[in-house]
Amino acid sequence: MTHITITWKAGFHPTTGFNGDDTDATFFYNFGELTDLEICNKIYQETNLYTGEVWEVIKLVLPEERTHTALSVFHGPKVDGELTQIGDTIMVDGRIYEVADNGWKIKERV
């Protein structure tokens, strides 16, 4: 069984800043032989389409206070000329992956 934690980041508005707090959902699921990135892509697809076997498990643990369900990346203010990206994250057995404009960004291992 794979230990998954999905973190939905608070929505970011360019003029008002962050809107709300981060929320998490944690569950265990047997992904078989899928790699971490394949797991992330499966979760991404199912949370955006609201359908699938994993989605049925996720629905049971969705936090009521979340601001959205589909995984996404927000674009915040520019810092040193670069647009800040704030992505929702998926932790797969302690390895954290952040949604990015072009796939996934490996964040850290806890």
Protein backbone atom coordinates (compact mmCIF):
# COMPACT_ATOMS: atom_id res chain seq x y z
CA MET A 1 0.00 0.00 0.00
CA THR A 2 1.20 3.47 -0.88
CA HIS A 3 0.78 6.31 1.62
CA ILE A 4 -0.56 9.42 -0.14
CA THR A 5 -1.14 12.95 1.15
CA ILE A 6 -2.64 15.51 -1.21
CA THR A 7 -2.26 19.16 -0.17
CA TRP A 8 -4.45 21.75 -1.83
CA LYS A 9 -2.77 25.12 -1.49
CA ALA A 10 -4.87 28.13 -0.63
CA GLY A 11 -6.03 30.10 -3.64
CA PHE A 12 -3.85 33.06 -4.53
CA HIS A 13 -5.32 36.32 -5.81
CA PRO A 14 -2.89 38.86 -7.34
CA THR A 15 -4.22 41.80 -5.33
CA THR A 16 -5.55 40.23 -2.12
CA GLY A 17 -2.92 37.51 -1.64
CA PHE A 18 -3.71 34.09 -0.25
CA ASN A 19 -7.33 33.18 0.23
CA GLY A 20 -7.73 30.55 2.95
CA ASP A 21 -5.48 27.88 4.39
CA ASP A 22 -3.90 24.77 2.90
CA THR A 23 -5.91 21.58 3.35
CA ASP A 24 -4.82 17.94 3.23
CA ALA A 25 -6.29 14.53 2.48
CA THR A 26 -4.39 11.37 3.41
CA PHE A 27 -5.12 7.80 2.33
CA PHE A 28 -3.52 4.47 1.43
CA TYR A 29 -3.98 2.84 -1.97
CA ASN A 30 -2.45 -0.07 -3.86
CA PHE A 31 -1.02 1.47 -7.04
CA GLY A 32 0.76 -1.75 -7.99
CA GLU A 33 3.96 -1.15 -9.91
CA LEU A 34 3.29 2.50 -10.85
CA THR A 35 6.18 4.95 -10.41
CA ASP A 36 5.78 8.05 -8.27
CA LEU A 37 5.20 10.25 -11.33
CA GLU A 38 2.65 7.80 -12.74
CA ILE A 39 0.84 7.91 -9.39
CA CYS A 40 0.91 11.73 -9.42
CA ASN A 41 -0.44 11.81 -12.98
CA LYS A 42 -3.22 9.35 -12.09
CA ILE A 43 -4.26 11.42 -9.06
CA TYR A 44 -4.04 14.63 -11.09
CA GLN A 45 -6.26 13.20 -13.83
CA GLU A 46 -8.85 11.76 -11.48
CA THR A 47 -9.12 14.87 -9.27
CA ASN A 48 -9.59 17.00 -12.38
CA LEU A 49 -12.15 14.68 -14.00
CA TYR A 50 -13.88 13.69 -10.73
CA THR A 51 -13.93 10.05 -11.78
CA GLY A 52 -11.95 6.83 -11.35
CA GLU A 53 -11.09 4.25 -8.69
CA VAL A 54 -8.63 6.51 -6.86
CA TRP A 55 -11.12 9.42 -6.97
CA GLU A 56 -13.66 7.21 -5.17
CA VAL A 57 -11.15 6.80 -2.31
CA ILE A 58 -10.17 10.49 -2.33
CA LYS A 59 -13.82 11.57 -2.07
CA LEU A 60 -14.07 9.78 1.27
CA VAL A 61 -11.27 11.85 2.81
CA LEU A 62 -11.80 15.26 1.18
CA PRO A 63 -11.51 18.10 3.70
CA GLU A 64 -14.64 20.25 3.87
CA GLU A 65 -12.62 23.48 4.04
CA ARG A 66 -10.73 22.99 0.76
CA THR A 67 -10.98 25.83 -1.74
CA HIS A 68 -10.84 23.52 -4.78
CA THR A 69 -10.51 19.83 -5.66
CA ALA A 70 -8.77 19.72 -9.03
CA LEU A 71 -4.98 19.89 -8.61
CA SER A 72 -3.48 23.04 -10.05
CA VAL A 73 -0.69 25.61 -9.97
CA PHE A 74 -1.21 29.26 -9.06
CA HIS A 75 0.86 32.15 -10.37
CA GLY A 76 1.71 34.66 -7.70
CA PRO A 77 3.68 37.90 -7.79
CA LYS A 78 7.01 38.31 -9.54
CA VAL A 79 10.08 37.88 -7.36
CA ASP A 80 13.40 38.99 -8.87
CA GLY A 81 11.67 39.19 -12.25
CA GLU A 82 10.37 35.60 -12.07
CA LEU A 83 6.69 34.73 -11.70
CA THR A 84 6.10 32.84 -8.44
CA GLN A 85 4.47 29.44 -8.90
CA ILE A 86 2.57 27.86 -6.03
CA GLY A 87 1.40 24.35 -6.83
CA ASP A 88 -0.73 21.83 -5.01
CA THR A 89 1.34 18.86 -3.83
CA ILE A 90 1.16 15.09 -3.63
CA MET A 91 3.29 13.22 -1.12
CA VAL A 92 4.01 9.62 -2.16
CA ASP A 93 5.53 7.59 0.70
CA GLY A 94 7.34 10.69 2.00
CA ARG A 95 8.44 12.14 -1.36
CA ILE A 96 6.74 15.44 -2.23
CA TYR A 97 5.84 16.44 -5.79
CA GLU A 98 4.45 19.88 -6.63
CA VAL A 99 2.20 20.60 -9.60
CA ALA A 100 4.12 22.81 -12.06
CA ASP A 101 3.31 24.43 -15.39
CA ASN A 102 4.98 21.60 -17.27
CA GLY A 103 4.46 18.56 -15.06
CA TRP A 104 5.86 17.93 -11.59
CA LYS A 105 8.57 19.54 -9.50
CA ILE A 106 10.21 17.32 -6.87
CA LYS A 107 10.08 19.30 -3.64
CA GLU A 108 11.60 17.27 -0.83
CA ARG A 109 11.61 14.05 1.09
CA VAL A 110 10.25 13.94 4.62
